[in-house]
Amino acid sequence: MKPVRFLVPTAQWVLRLSAILFIYTYFFDTFISFKLQSLMFYVSAVFVSGGILLLAGGFLRSAKMTVIVSLLLFLLSLTRLFVAYKSGGADHDFASMLILSAIFLNFLANGNRN
């Protein structure tokens, strides 16, 4: 059976929206607490602003913003993945960050390609 190519643009947007939803549920509370002394605030700020830029990059003709933001978010999520593994092994946080890393890797590899 052949792949259903006409669903690729829809799948890309579902991945974008899934990443935004994950970032909102996982990082937004820390971001709005606005504790400048906390390192987690800055990590959350990068994830929230990167998620917004990833969504905005989908509306642009050029894939440059999508690729750059995806690279930044992929590297940051790998860091969070390492921290999650060191603190609790292969638990819920590790699995969640692994899925988020895979989404960012997809956008890093494919950009806005449909």
C-alpha atoms as a PDB file:
ATOM      1  CA  MET A   1       0.000   0.000   0.000  1.00  0.00           C
ATOM      2  CA  LYS A   2       1.322   3.460  -0.915  1.00  0.00           C
ATOM      3  CA  PRO A   3       1.578   6.342   1.561  1.00  0.00           C
ATOM      4  CA  VAL A   4      -1.220   8.897   1.512  1.00  0.00           C
ATOM      5  CA  ARG A   5       0.801  11.904   0.327  1.00  0.00           C
ATOM      6  CA  PHE A   6      -2.029  14.425   0.406  1.00  0.00           C
ATOM      7  CA  LEU A   7      -2.169  14.121   4.212  1.00  0.00           C
ATOM      8  CA  VAL A   8       1.429  15.314   4.701  1.00  0.00           C
ATOM      9  CA  PRO A   9       0.527  19.020   5.121  1.00  0.00           C
ATOM     10  CA  THR A  10      -2.179  18.127   7.624  1.00  0.00           C
ATOM     11  CA  ALA A  11       0.218  15.878   9.527  1.00  0.00           C
ATOM     12  CA  GLN A  12       2.812  18.680   9.673  1.00  0.00           C
ATOM     13  CA  TRP A  13       0.252  21.068  11.165  1.00  0.00           C
ATOM     14  CA  VAL A  14      -0.940  18.455  13.652  1.00  0.00           C
ATOM     15  CA  LEU A  15       2.684  18.019  14.778  1.00  0.00           C
ATOM     16  CA  ARG A  16       3.085  21.797  15.149  1.00  0.00           C
ATOM     17  CA  LEU A  17      -0.102  22.099  17.172  1.00  0.00           C
ATOM     18  CA  SER A  18       0.839  19.063  19.290  1.00  0.00           C
ATOM     19  CA  ALA A  19       4.204  20.638  20.102  1.00  0.00           C
ATOM     20  CA  ILE A  20       2.484  23.914  21.039  1.00  0.00           C
ATOM     21  CA  LEU A  21      -0.005  22.074  23.267  1.00  0.00           C
ATOM     22  CA  PHE A  22       2.789  20.134  24.954  1.00  0.00           C
ATOM     23  CA  ILE A  23       4.839  23.282  25.534  1.00  0.00           C
ATOM     24  CA  TYR A  24       1.766  25.035  26.939  1.00  0.00           C
ATOM     25  CA  THR A  25       0.920  22.260  29.384  1.00  0.00           C
ATOM     26  CA  TYR A  26       4.510  21.508  30.401  1.00  0.00           C
ATOM     27  CA  PHE A  27       6.238  24.908  30.503  1.00  0.00           C
ATOM     28  CA  PHE A  28       3.679  27.736  30.533  1.00  0.00           C
ATOM     29  CA  ASP A  29       3.005  27.747  34.298  1.00  0.00           C
ATOM     30  CA  THR A  30       6.714  28.115  35.007  1.00  0.00           C
ATOM     31  CA  PHE A  31       6.958  30.850  32.398  1.00  0.00           C
ATOM     32  CA  ILE A  32       4.107  32.960  33.796  1.00  0.00           C
ATOM     33  CA  SER A  33       5.428  32.619  37.372  1.00  0.00           C
ATOM     34  CA  PHE A  34       8.172  35.037  36.211  1.00  0.00           C
ATOM     35  CA  LYS A  35      10.849  34.043  38.725  1.00  0.00           C
ATOM     36  CA  LEU A  36      13.976  35.544  37.219  1.00  0.00           C
ATOM     37  CA  GLN A  37      16.269  33.747  39.680  1.00  0.00           C
ATOM     38  CA  SER A  38      15.163  30.330  38.423  1.00  0.00           C
ATOM     39  CA  LEU A  39      16.961  28.613  35.553  1.00  0.00           C
ATOM     40  CA  MET A  40      13.729  26.782  34.717  1.00  0.00           C
ATOM     41  CA  PHE A  41      12.090  30.142  33.980  1.00  0.00           C
ATOM     42  CA  TYR A  42      14.602  30.808  31.211  1.00  0.00           C
ATOM     43  CA  VAL A  43      14.267  27.282  29.819  1.00  0.00           C
ATOM     44  CA  SER A  44      10.493  27.712  29.815  1.00  0.00           C
ATOM     45  CA  ALA A  45      10.803  31.129  28.169  1.00  0.00           C
ATOM     46  CA  VAL A  46      12.873  29.638  25.339  1.00  0.00           C
ATOM     47  CA  PHE A  47      10.390  26.800  24.866  1.00  0.00           C
ATOM     48  CA  VAL A  48       7.344  29.123  24.884  1.00  0.00           C
ATOM     49  CA  SER A  49       8.844  31.706  22.531  1.00  0.00           C
ATOM     50  CA  GLY A  50      10.298  28.943  20.326  1.00  0.00           C
ATOM     51  CA  GLY A  51       6.914  27.261  20.111  1.00  0.00           C
ATOM     52  CA  ILE A  52       5.315  30.507  19.004  1.00  0.00           C
ATOM     53  CA  LEU A  53       8.031  30.998  16.390  1.00  0.00           C
ATOM     54  CA  LEU A  54       7.638  27.395  15.217  1.00  0.00           C
ATOM     55  CA  LEU A  55       3.936  28.015  14.689  1.00  0.00           C
ATOM     56  CA  ALA A  56       4.633  31.309  12.910  1.00  0.00           C
ATOM     57  CA  GLY A  57       7.261  29.634  10.735  1.00  0.00           C
ATOM     58  CA  GLY A  58       4.580  27.404   9.274  1.00  0.00           C
ATOM     59  CA  PHE A  59       2.957  30.423   7.645  1.00  0.00           C
ATOM     60  CA  LEU A  60       6.149  31.574   5.928  1.00  0.00           C
ATOM     61  CA  ARG A  61       7.246  30.548   2.459  1.00  0.00           C
ATOM     62  CA  SER A  62      10.849  30.090   3.539  1.00  0.00           C
ATOM     63  CA  ALA A  63      11.711  27.317   5.972  1.00  0.00           C
ATOM     64  CA  LYS A  64      14.606  29.256   7.527  1.00  0.00           C
ATOM     65  CA  MET A  65      12.769  30.247  10.721  1.00  0.00           C
ATOM     66  CA  THR A  66      11.312  26.769  11.179  1.00  0.00           C
ATOM     67  CA  VAL A  67      14.714  25.107  10.825  1.00  0.00           C
ATOM     68  CA  ILE A  68      16.562  27.531  13.119  1.00  0.00           C
ATOM     69  CA  VAL A  69      13.910  27.400  15.840  1.00  0.00           C
ATOM     70  CA  SER A  70      13.675  23.617  15.500  1.00  0.00           C
ATOM     71  CA  LEU A  71      17.439  23.298  15.949  1.00  0.00           C
ATOM     72  CA  LEU A  72      17.351  25.419  19.100  1.00  0.00           C
ATOM     73  CA  LEU A  73      14.363  23.581  20.539  1.00  0.00           C
ATOM     74  CA  PHE A  74      15.776  20.180  19.585  1.00  0.00           C
ATOM     75  CA  LEU A  75      19.059  20.885  21.381  1.00  0.00           C
ATOM     76  CA  LEU A  76      17.234  22.259  24.410  1.00  0.00           C
ATOM     77  CA  SER A  77      14.883  19.274  24.514  1.00  0.00           C
ATOM     78  CA  LEU A  78      17.887  16.905  24.300  1.00  0.00           C
ATOM     79  CA  THR A  79      19.304  18.677  27.340  1.00  0.00           C
ATOM     80  CA  ARG A  80      15.986  18.276  29.160  1.00  0.00           C
ATOM     81  CA  LEU A  81      15.907  14.651  28.022  1.00  0.00           C
ATOM     82  CA  PHE A  82      19.319  14.034  29.578  1.00  0.00           C
ATOM     83  CA  VAL A  83      18.248  15.719  32.828  1.00  0.00           C
ATOM     84  CA  ALA A  84      15.021  13.691  32.935  1.00  0.00           C
ATOM     85  CA  TYR A  85      16.950  10.463  32.425  1.00  0.00           C
ATOM     86  CA  LYS A  86      19.537  11.315  35.095  1.00  0.00           C
ATOM     87  CA  SER A  87      16.871  12.220  37.652  1.00  0.00           C
ATOM     88  CA  GLY A  88      14.330   9.457  37.138  1.00  0.00           C
ATOM     89  CA  GLY A  89      15.432   7.034  34.452  1.00  0.00           C
ATOM     90  CA  ALA A  90      13.016   6.169  31.681  1.00  0.00           C
ATOM     91  CA  ASP A  91       9.912   7.647  33.302  1.00  0.00           C
ATOM     92  CA  HIS A  92       7.016   9.829  32.149  1.00  0.00           C
ATOM     93  CA  ASP A  93       9.124  12.990  31.793  1.00  0.00           C
ATOM     94  CA  PHE A  94      11.743  11.125  29.774  1.00  0.00           C
ATOM     95  CA  ALA A  95       9.145   9.677  27.395  1.00  0.00           C
ATOM     96  CA  SER A  96       7.443  13.056  26.984  1.00  0.00           C
ATOM     97  CA  MET A  97      10.697  14.836  26.194  1.00  0.00           C
ATOM     98  CA  LEU A  98      11.684  12.052  23.780  1.00  0.00           C
ATOM     99  CA  ILE A  99       8.466  12.548  21.799  1.00  0.00           C
ATOM    100  CA  LEU A 100       8.918  16.328  21.819  1.00  0.00           C
ATOM    101  CA  SER A 101      12.519  15.909  20.636  1.00  0.00           C
ATOM    102  CA  ALA A 102      11.302  13.721  17.771  1.00  0.00           C
ATOM    103  CA  ILE A 103       8.817  16.406  16.704  1.00  0.00           C
ATOM    104  CA  PHE A 104      11.536  19.057  16.672  1.00  0.00           C
ATOM    105  CA  LEU A 105      13.879  16.731  14.792  1.00  0.00           C
ATOM    106  CA  ASN A 106      11.165  16.258  12.157  1.00  0.00           C
ATOM    107  CA  PHE A 107      10.899  20.006  11.602  1.00  0.00           C
ATOM    108  CA  LEU A 108      14.679  20.348  11.618  1.00  0.00           C
ATOM    109  CA  ALA A 109      14.977  17.713   8.896  1.00  0.00           C
ATOM    110  CA  ASN A 110      11.941  18.710   6.793  1.00  0.00           C
ATOM    111  CA  GLY A 111      11.379  22.415   7.440  1.00  0.00           C
ATOM    112  CA  ASN A 112       8.097  23.527   5.907  1.00  0.00           C
ATOM    113  CA  ARG A 113       8.179  20.903   3.172  1.00  0.00           C
ATOM    114  CA  ASN A 114       4.770  19.476   2.359  1.00  0.00           C
END
